[in-house]
Amino acid sequence: MAFFTADQEEVLYKLNRGDDNYSSMIEFLSGPFNDFVSREVAPKAAENDAKEIFNEENFHALGELGLMALPFDEAHGGAGACFSYYGAGLESLAKADAGFALGVAIHGTMSDGIARFGHEDLQKRFVPDLISGRRIGAFALSEANSGSDAKSLRTTWRRDAGTGDYILNGTKYWITNALSADVFFVMAKGEDGRISAFVVEKGGRGTFEQRKIPDKMGVRGSNTAELVFEDYHVPEENLVGEIGKGFNYAMHMLNGGRITIAAWSTGIAQGAFEKLVKYVHERQAFGAPLRNLPTTAQEIATLAIEIGAARDLAYSAAFFKSQGRDIVQKAAMAKVFASECAVHVAERAIELAGGYGYVQDSRIERHLRDALLARIGEGANELLTSVVIPRAIWKAFDASGEIPLW
């Protein structure tokens, strides 16, 4: 089965046709990568969802295959490819198993934070192992009382005058990959109220606990946990960048994360859509296939338009990220549109499939449970549409000077 589709290739062609690596990237996505997703990821998705399994074996194999390394510099062992190729890969993964794909996406955001903001030694120590899938990473920003309002986090750091270590105290919540990870990108607040970032490993002095958050509604193929730090020592060389700059780093990371969630959401929508198309082709109604009803045909067309628009927004934002352009507005718009698209397509797929769509055997209802997280993750849609996107619009307007009427 094609998990990397012709529709994906067409958008990549529009963006990257002048890229010297275009042919090899398409060959990888449509060949070895597609085969891996078809053979190893998709067949296990229902079981992963039912039993809350994050398939670490598949994660390591995917890293060895090379997907995670695509957008990273060759100096770190990456392929130096456009972020849009990586986004396409995440779409295909999410179509197959959105829970597993979410773990891969968050791992990528965390790896990007070290590669972008860590000092050279930190990059050398961690990035090659992360982007090759040898180690699993988690991004620890959220807390029980600080999600979209990240600045209100309460986890603290202080300096040990004797050793120079940073000592963490506090609790992180809703942390994807937290049970599987052995490398954590952790945000904590200093005595002056400014936020700093640290790369944290297990095995240090003090207490570091990982507590599973069970029984999630969706994305059950990823693991989510609470992290508890009590006087936990982090070596001074594991500070990321500069003291007090952690919040800025997190916001940059979230811009990239919103693009990955947009691509991920598109994959969920595409999965629900393809199962719906199969259903309306096979289902008989009034003596003919359900697909022959004009209302059904019109609905299928509308859903296809939405998915195509979501894909265009996601891949375009990814392309401009690789170009070093300002992506704040593009990333937020792509994330909002694609996540709402995923929810709408999954809802309509269930409703058009009737009672069949509502039961687990249809393999459709899982897509809606997974899609609902997209509205929340990497910045709630309400925040993006009421603050982030308008702020970017007003900034552009104020910079444009007086606009004459025409």
Protein backbone atom coordinates (compact mmCIF):
# COMPACT_ATOMS: atom_id res chain seq x y z
CA MET A 1 0.00 0.00 0.00
CA ALA A 2 1.16 3.53 -0.71
CA PHE A 3 1.66 5.48 2.49
CA PHE A 4 3.68 8.04 0.54
CA THR A 5 1.27 9.16 -2.18
CA ALA A 6 1.34 10.91 -5.53
CA ASP A 7 -0.41 13.89 -3.94
CA GLN A 8 2.49 14.31 -1.52
CA GLU A 9 5.03 14.02 -4.30
CA GLU A 10 3.27 16.73 -6.33
CA VAL A 11 3.52 19.26 -3.50
CA LEU A 12 7.17 18.38 -2.94
CA TYR A 13 7.79 18.79 -6.67
CA LYS A 14 6.25 22.25 -6.62
CA LEU A 15 8.53 23.31 -3.76
CA ASN A 16 11.74 21.40 -4.44
CA ARG A 17 11.92 20.57 -8.15
CA GLY A 18 15.14 22.60 -8.45
CA ASP A 19 16.75 20.75 -5.56
CA ASP A 20 19.71 18.55 -6.53
CA ASN A 21 18.54 15.99 -3.98
CA TYR A 22 14.91 15.93 -5.13
CA SER A 23 15.05 12.63 -7.03
CA SER A 24 16.91 10.80 -4.28
CA MET A 25 14.53 12.13 -1.62
CA ILE A 26 11.46 10.98 -3.58
CA GLU A 27 13.10 7.62 -4.21
CA PHE A 28 13.69 7.25 -0.46
CA LEU A 29 10.18 8.30 0.57
CA SER A 30 8.39 6.21 -2.04
CA GLY A 31 10.77 3.23 -1.73
CA PRO A 32 12.52 2.12 1.48
CA PHE A 33 10.55 4.45 3.74
CA ASN A 34 7.14 3.58 2.27
CA ASP A 35 8.00 -0.12 2.45
CA PHE A 36 8.97 0.20 6.12
CA VAL A 37 5.76 2.02 7.03
CA SER A 38 3.64 -0.52 5.12
CA ARG A 39 5.42 -3.55 6.58
CA GLU A 40 6.30 -2.51 10.13
CA VAL A 41 4.23 0.49 11.26
CA ALA A 42 0.70 0.25 9.84
CA PRO A 43 0.03 -3.42 10.72
CA LYS A 44 0.80 -2.74 14.39
CA ALA A 45 -1.20 0.49 14.74
CA ALA A 46 -4.43 -1.03 16.07
CA GLU A 47 -2.61 -3.11 18.68
CA ASN A 48 -0.46 -0.15 19.73
CA ASP A 49 -3.61 1.89 20.19
CA ALA A 50 -5.46 -0.79 22.16
CA LYS A 51 -2.54 -1.67 24.46
CA GLU A 52 -0.87 1.78 24.70
CA ILE A 53 2.39 0.58 23.15
CA PHE A 54 5.08 2.89 21.84
CA ASN A 55 7.09 0.66 19.53
CA GLU A 56 10.68 1.46 20.47
CA GLU A 57 12.03 -1.21 18.13
CA ASN A 58 10.35 0.52 15.18
CA PHE A 59 11.61 3.87 16.41
CA HIS A 60 15.23 2.72 16.38
CA ALA A 61 14.74 1.05 12.99
CA LEU A 62 13.23 4.22 11.55
CA GLY A 63 16.22 6.18 12.78
CA GLU A 64 18.58 3.69 11.19
CA LEU A 65 16.59 4.00 7.95
CA GLY A 66 17.33 7.74 7.94
CA LEU A 67 14.02 9.60 8.23
CA MET A 68 14.88 11.47 11.43
CA ALA A 69 18.18 12.72 10.01
CA LEU A 70 16.69 14.26 6.85
CA PRO A 71 16.54 17.96 7.89
CA PHE A 72 19.71 18.06 10.00
CA ASP A 73 23.12 19.31 8.92
CA GLU A 74 25.55 16.84 7.44
CA ALA A 75 28.04 17.87 10.14
CA HIS A 76 25.75 16.18 12.68
CA GLY A 77 25.23 13.09 10.55
CA GLY A 78 22.12 14.45 8.84
CA ALA A 79 21.14 14.63 5.18
CA GLY A 80 20.85 18.43 4.98
CA ALA A 81 17.49 18.05 3.22
CA CYS A 82 14.59 20.48 3.11
CA PHE A 83 12.23 20.24 6.09
CA SER A 84 9.36 19.59 3.67
CA TYR A 85 10.67 16.08 2.93
CA TYR A 86 10.69 15.35 6.65
CA GLY A 87 7.16 16.75 6.92
CA ALA A 88 6.04 14.42 4.16
CA GLY A 89 7.51 11.50 6.05
CA LEU A 90 5.64 12.50 9.22
CA GLU A 91 2.39 12.73 7.24
CA SER A 92 2.87 9.18 5.99
CA LEU A 93 3.71 7.92 9.48
CA ALA A 94 0.65 9.61 10.98
CA LYS A 95 -1.58 8.10 8.33
CA ALA A 96 -0.29 4.69 9.44
CA ASP A 97 -0.06 5.20 13.22
CA ALA A 98 -0.55 8.70 14.62
CA GLY A 99 0.58 7.77 18.12
CA PHE A 100 3.91 6.41 16.93
CA ALA A 101 4.32 9.36 14.55
CA LEU A 102 3.73 11.83 17.38
CA GLY A 103 6.62 10.30 19.30
CA VAL A 104 8.85 10.71 16.25
CA ALA A 105 7.71 14.32 15.73
CA ILE A 106 8.35 15.43 19.33
CA HIS A 107 11.72 13.68 19.27
CA GLY A 108 12.56 15.74 16.19
CA THR A 109 11.57 19.01 17.87
CA MET A 110 13.75 18.19 20.86
CA SER A 111 16.70 17.22 18.63
CA ASP A 112 16.32 20.46 16.69
CA GLY A 113 16.55 22.42 19.94
CA ILE A 114 19.95 20.95 20.78
CA ALA A 115 21.23 21.27 17.21
CA ARG A 116 20.09 24.88 16.95
CA PHE A 117 20.82 26.30 20.39
CA GLY A 118 23.28 23.95 22.11
CA HIS A 119 26.98 24.72 22.21
CA GLU A 120 29.26 22.69 19.97
CA ASP A 121 30.18 20.07 22.55
CA LEU A 122 26.51 19.52 23.44
CA GLN A 123 25.68 19.08 19.76
CA LYS A 124 28.46 16.53 19.25
CA ARG A 125 27.47 14.57 22.33
CA PHE A 126 23.78 14.25 21.59
CA VAL A 127 22.62 15.16 18.08
CA PRO A 128 24.17 12.27 16.09
CA ASP A 129 22.71 9.67 18.46
CA LEU A 130 19.30 11.38 18.46
CA ILE A 131 18.86 11.81 14.72
CA SER A 132 20.06 8.27 14.05
CA GLY A 133 17.43 6.92 16.45
CA ARG A 134 19.98 5.37 18.78
CA ARG A 135 18.63 7.49 21.63
CA ILE A 136 15.10 8.79 22.25
CA GLY A 137 14.41 12.39 23.23
CA ALA A 138 11.61 14.24 25.02
CA PHE A 139 10.75 17.95 25.16
CA ALA A 140 9.79 18.88 28.74
CA LEU A 141 8.10 22.29 28.67
CA SER A 142 4.50 21.74 29.77
CA GLU A 143 3.34 21.47 33.37
CA ALA A 144 -0.02 20.72 34.95
CA ASN A 145 -0.75 24.45 35.35
CA SER A 146 1.20 25.83 32.39
CA GLY A 147 0.40 24.62 28.90
CA SER A 148 -0.14 27.37 26.37
CA ASP A 149 0.94 29.88 29.04
CA ALA A 150 4.45 28.46 29.11
CA LYS A 151 5.98 31.40 30.96
CA SER A 152 4.05 30.44 34.09
CA LEU A 153 5.99 27.20 34.57
CA ARG A 154 7.08 26.45 38.13
CA THR A 155 9.97 24.02 37.74
CA THR A 156 13.05 25.79 39.12
CA TRP A 157 16.81 25.63 38.85
CA ARG A 158 19.50 26.88 41.18
CA ARG A 159 23.27 26.63 41.06
CA ASP A 160 25.33 24.39 43.33
CA ALA A 161 28.16 26.68 44.40
CA GLY A 162 30.46 23.78 45.12
CA THR A 163 30.13 21.69 41.95
CA GLY A 164 28.71 24.20 39.48
CA ASP A 165 25.83 21.80 38.79
CA TYR A 166 22.33 23.07 38.09
CA ILE A 167 19.80 21.63 40.53
CA LEU A 168 16.24 21.09 39.28
CA ASN A 169 13.07 20.95 41.35
CA GLY A 170 9.56 20.63 39.98
CA THR A 171 7.18 18.58 37.89
CA LYS A 172 6.59 18.39 34.15
CA TYR A 173 3.34 17.04 32.74
CA TRP A 174 1.98 15.76 29.39
CA ILE A 175 5.51 14.90 28.23
CA THR A 176 5.51 12.77 25.08
CA ASN A 177 8.15 9.99 24.96
CA ALA A 178 8.82 10.52 28.66
CA LEU A 179 8.81 6.80 29.52
CA SER A 180 11.04 5.80 26.62
CA ALA A 181 13.42 8.75 26.47
CA ASP A 182 16.88 8.88 27.94
CA VAL A 183 17.56 12.48 26.87
CA PHE A 184 15.29 15.34 27.98
CA PHE A 185 15.20 18.99 26.90
CA VAL A 186 13.95 20.61 30.12
CA MET A 187 12.83 24.18 30.76
CA ALA A 188 13.19 25.61 34.28
CA LYS A 189 12.96 29.02 35.93
CA GLY A 190 15.77 30.72 37.84
CA GLU A 191 15.48 32.91 40.92
CA ASP A 192 15.20 35.98 38.68
CA GLY A 193 12.14 34.49 36.95
CA ARG A 194 13.90 33.93 33.64
CA ILE A 195 13.67 30.52 31.97
CA SER A 196 16.72 28.48 31.01
CA ALA A 197 17.05 25.20 29.10
CA PHE A 198 18.97 22.07 30.05
CA VAL A 199 19.75 18.72 28.50
CA VAL A 200 18.96 16.20 31.21
CA GLU A 201 19.96 12.55 31.36
CA LYS A 202 18.94 9.88 33.81
CA GLY A 203 21.32 8.58 36.42
CA GLY A 204 22.36 11.84 38.08
CA ARG A 205 22.34 12.75 41.76
CA GLY A 206 18.97 13.47 43.30
CA THR A 207 15.50 12.25 42.34
CA PHE A 208 14.22 11.96 38.78
CA GLU A 209 10.97 9.99 38.42
CA GLN A 210 8.92 9.13 35.33
CA ARG A 211 5.24 8.45 36.06
CA LYS A 212 3.01 7.17 33.28
CA ILE A 213 -0.19 9.08 32.41
CA PRO A 214 -2.51 6.20 31.45
CA ASP A 215 -5.76 5.81 29.55
CA LYS A 216 -5.46 8.63 27.04
CA MET A 217 -8.34 9.08 24.64
CA GLY A 218 -6.12 9.07 21.56
CA VAL A 219 -2.51 8.88 20.34
CA ARG A 220 -2.26 5.84 22.57
CA GLY A 221 0.64 4.53 20.50
CA SER A 222 2.82 7.20 22.11
CA ASN A 223 3.72 7.24 25.78
CA THR A 224 3.03 10.25 27.95
CA ALA A 225 4.29 10.82 31.46
CA GLU A 226 4.86 13.15 34.36
CA LEU A 227 8.48 13.97 35.21
CA VAL A 228 9.35 14.74 38.82
CA PHE A 229 12.64 16.38 39.81
CA GLU A 230 13.74 16.71 43.43
CA ASP A 231 17.18 18.27 43.92
CA TYR A 232 18.25 16.65 40.67
CA HIS A 233 21.77 17.56 39.56
CA VAL A 234 22.49 18.51 35.93
CA PRO A 235 26.15 19.09 34.93
CA GLU A 236 26.98 22.69 34.09
CA GLU A 237 28.02 21.70 30.55
CA ASN A 238 24.43 20.58 29.89
CA LEU A 239 23.09 24.14 29.90
CA VAL A 240 21.63 24.89 26.48
CA GLY A 241 22.79 28.23 25.10
CA GLU A 242 22.67 31.11 27.57
CA ILE A 243 21.12 31.54 30.99
CA GLY A 244 17.68 33.11 30.74
CA LYS A 245 17.20 32.44 27.01
CA GLY A 246 15.27 29.20 27.37
CA PHE A 247 11.84 30.67 26.67
CA ASN A 248 13.07 32.14 23.39
CA TYR A 249 14.51 28.77 22.43
CA ALA A 250 11.21 27.06 23.25
CA MET A 251 9.24 29.46 21.07
CA HIS A 252 11.53 28.82 18.10
CA MET A 253 11.23 25.09 18.67
CA LEU A 254 7.45 25.34 18.83
CA ASN A 255 7.36 27.07 15.44
CA GLY A 256 8.99 24.01 13.93
CA GLY A 257 6.81 21.78 16.08
CA ARG A 258 3.66 23.41 14.72
CA ILE A 259 4.77 22.56 11.21
CA THR A 260 5.29 18.93 12.17
CA ILE A 261 1.85 18.85 13.82
CA ALA A 262 0.36 20.29 10.63
CA ALA A 263 1.95 17.52 8.56
CA TRP A 264 0.98 14.96 11.21
CA SER A 265 -2.64 16.20 11.18
CA THR A 266 -2.74 15.96 7.40
CA GLY A 267 -1.70 12.32 7.68
CA ILE A 268 -4.53 11.60 10.11
CA ALA A 269 -7.01 13.26 7.75
CA GLN A 270 -5.64 11.31 4.79
CA GLY A 271 -5.95 8.02 6.66
CA ALA A 272 -9.57 8.64 7.62
CA PHE A 273 -10.34 9.83 4.08
CA GLU A 274 -8.92 6.76 2.38
CA LYS A 275 -10.85 4.42 4.68
CA LEU A 276 -14.01 6.41 3.94
CA VAL A 277 -13.43 6.17 0.17
CA LYS A 278 -13.04 2.39 0.50
CA TYR A 279 -16.25 2.19 2.54
CA VAL A 280 -18.44 4.22 0.17
CA HIS A 281 -17.11 2.21 -2.77
CA GLU A 282 -18.04 -1.12 -1.16
CA ARG A 283 -21.22 -0.17 0.72
CA GLN A 284 -24.50 -0.69 -1.11
CA ALA A 285 -27.35 1.76 -0.57
CA PHE A 286 -30.65 1.76 -2.50
CA GLY A 287 -29.35 -0.85 -4.90
CA ALA A 288 -26.09 0.94 -5.82
CA PRO A 289 -22.72 1.76 -4.27
CA LEU A 290 -22.93 4.59 -1.74
CA ARG A 291 -20.39 6.49 -3.83
CA ASN A 292 -23.06 6.99 -6.50
CA LEU A 293 -25.18 9.24 -4.29
CA PRO A 294 -24.62 12.88 -5.35
CA THR A 295 -24.39 14.07 -1.75
CA THR A 296 -21.70 11.49 -1.01
CA ALA A 297 -19.67 12.46 -4.08
CA GLN A 298 -19.89 16.13 -3.14
CA GLU A 299 -18.78 15.43 0.42
CA ILE A 300 -15.83 13.33 -0.74
CA ALA A 301 -14.74 16.15 -3.05
CA THR A 302 -14.98 18.73 -0.27
CA LEU A 303 -12.89 16.62 2.09
CA ALA A 304 -10.26 16.09 -0.60
CA ILE A 305 -10.02 19.86 -1.11
CA GLU A 306 -9.51 20.42 2.62
CA ILE A 307 -6.75 17.81 2.84
CA GLY A 308 -4.98 19.24 -0.20
CA ALA A 309 -5.05 22.72 1.30
CA ALA A 310 -3.74 21.42 4.65
CA ARG A 311 -0.88 19.64 2.90
CA ASP A 312 0.04 22.74 0.91
CA LEU A 313 0.13 24.89 4.03
CA ALA A 314 2.18 22.35 6.01
CA TYR A 315 4.79 21.66 3.34
CA SER A 316 5.09 25.32 2.38
CA ALA A 317 5.74 26.33 5.98
CA ALA A 318 8.33 23.55 6.18
CA PHE A 319 10.00 24.78 2.99
CA PHE A 320 10.29 28.34 4.33
CA LYS A 321 11.69 27.02 7.63
CA SER A 322 14.56 25.50 5.67
CA GLN A 323 15.01 28.80 3.85
CA GLY A 324 15.53 30.56 7.18
CA ARG A 325 12.45 32.73 6.73
CA ASP A 326 10.15 34.01 9.46
CA ILE A 327 7.67 31.17 9.90
CA VAL A 328 5.71 32.28 12.98
CA GLN A 329 2.52 33.06 11.07
CA LYS A 330 2.94 30.33 8.45
CA ALA A 331 3.54 27.63 11.06
CA ALA A 332 0.60 28.71 13.20
CA MET A 333 -1.77 28.96 10.23
CA ALA A 334 -0.72 25.55 8.92
CA LYS A 335 -1.17 23.96 12.34
CA VAL A 336 -4.61 25.47 12.93
CA PHE A 337 -5.96 24.64 9.48
CA ALA A 338 -4.55 21.13 9.31
CA SER A 339 -5.67 20.20 12.82
CA GLU A 340 -9.21 21.43 12.19
CA CYS A 341 -9.15 19.58 8.87
CA ALA A 342 -8.13 16.34 10.59
CA VAL A 343 -10.97 16.60 13.10
CA HIS A 344 -13.53 17.46 10.43
CA VAL A 345 -12.49 14.72 8.01
CA ALA A 346 -12.41 12.08 10.76
CA GLU A 347 -15.82 13.16 12.06
CA ARG A 348 -17.38 13.03 8.61
CA ALA A 349 -15.74 9.68 7.87
CA ILE A 350 -17.36 8.21 10.98
CA GLU A 351 -20.74 9.77 10.25
CA LEU A 352 -20.83 8.73 6.60
CA ALA A 353 -19.82 5.20 7.56
CA GLY A 354 -22.69 5.13 10.05
CA GLY A 355 -22.62 2.59 12.85
CA TYR A 356 -19.67 0.82 11.25
CA GLY A 357 -17.54 3.94 11.56
CA TYR A 358 -18.26 4.12 15.27
CA VAL A 359 -16.76 0.74 16.17
CA GLN A 360 -13.10 -0.14 16.45
CA ASP A 361 -13.23 -2.79 13.73
CA SER A 362 -13.69 -0.03 11.15
CA ARG A 363 -10.26 1.39 12.05
CA ILE A 364 -11.83 4.81 11.35
CA GLU A 365 -12.78 5.97 14.84
CA ARG A 366 -9.13 5.91 15.95
CA HIS A 367 -8.37 8.78 13.57
CA LEU A 368 -10.85 11.08 15.32
CA ARG A 369 -9.50 10.24 18.77
CA ASP A 370 -5.99 10.98 17.51
CA ALA A 371 -6.99 14.15 15.62
CA LEU A 372 -8.45 15.88 18.66
CA LEU A 373 -5.01 16.20 20.23
CA ALA A 374 -3.86 18.29 17.27
CA ARG A 375 -6.11 21.14 18.36
CA ILE A 376 -4.25 21.25 21.69
CA GLY A 377 -0.63 20.29 21.05
CA GLU A 378 2.12 22.81 20.27
CA GLY A 379 -0.15 25.70 21.23
CA ALA A 380 -3.93 25.46 21.48
CA ASN A 381 -5.75 26.65 18.37
CA GLU A 382 -7.56 29.27 20.45
CA LEU A 383 -4.22 30.78 21.46
CA LEU A 384 -2.85 30.69 17.92
CA THR A 385 -5.91 32.37 16.41
CA SER A 386 -6.44 34.95 19.15
CA VAL A 387 -2.81 35.89 19.85
CA VAL A 388 -0.05 34.43 17.67
CA ILE A 389 -1.51 34.86 14.18
CA PRO A 390 -3.09 38.31 14.81
CA ARG A 391 0.17 39.51 16.38
CA ALA A 392 2.06 38.50 13.24
CA ILE A 393 -0.53 40.23 11.04
CA TRP A 394 -0.37 43.48 13.02
CA LYS A 395 3.44 43.36 13.01
CA ALA A 396 3.46 43.09 9.22
CA PHE A 397 0.86 45.85 8.89
CA ASP A 398 2.76 48.23 11.17
CA ALA A 399 5.97 47.57 9.24
CA SER A 400 4.33 48.25 5.88
CA GLY A 401 3.76 51.94 6.51
CA GLU A 402 0.74 53.84 5.28
CA ILE A 403 -1.29 51.88 2.73
CA PRO A 404 -3.11 54.08 0.20
CA LEU A 405 -6.54 53.08 -1.01
CA TRP A 406 -6.84 51.95 -4.62
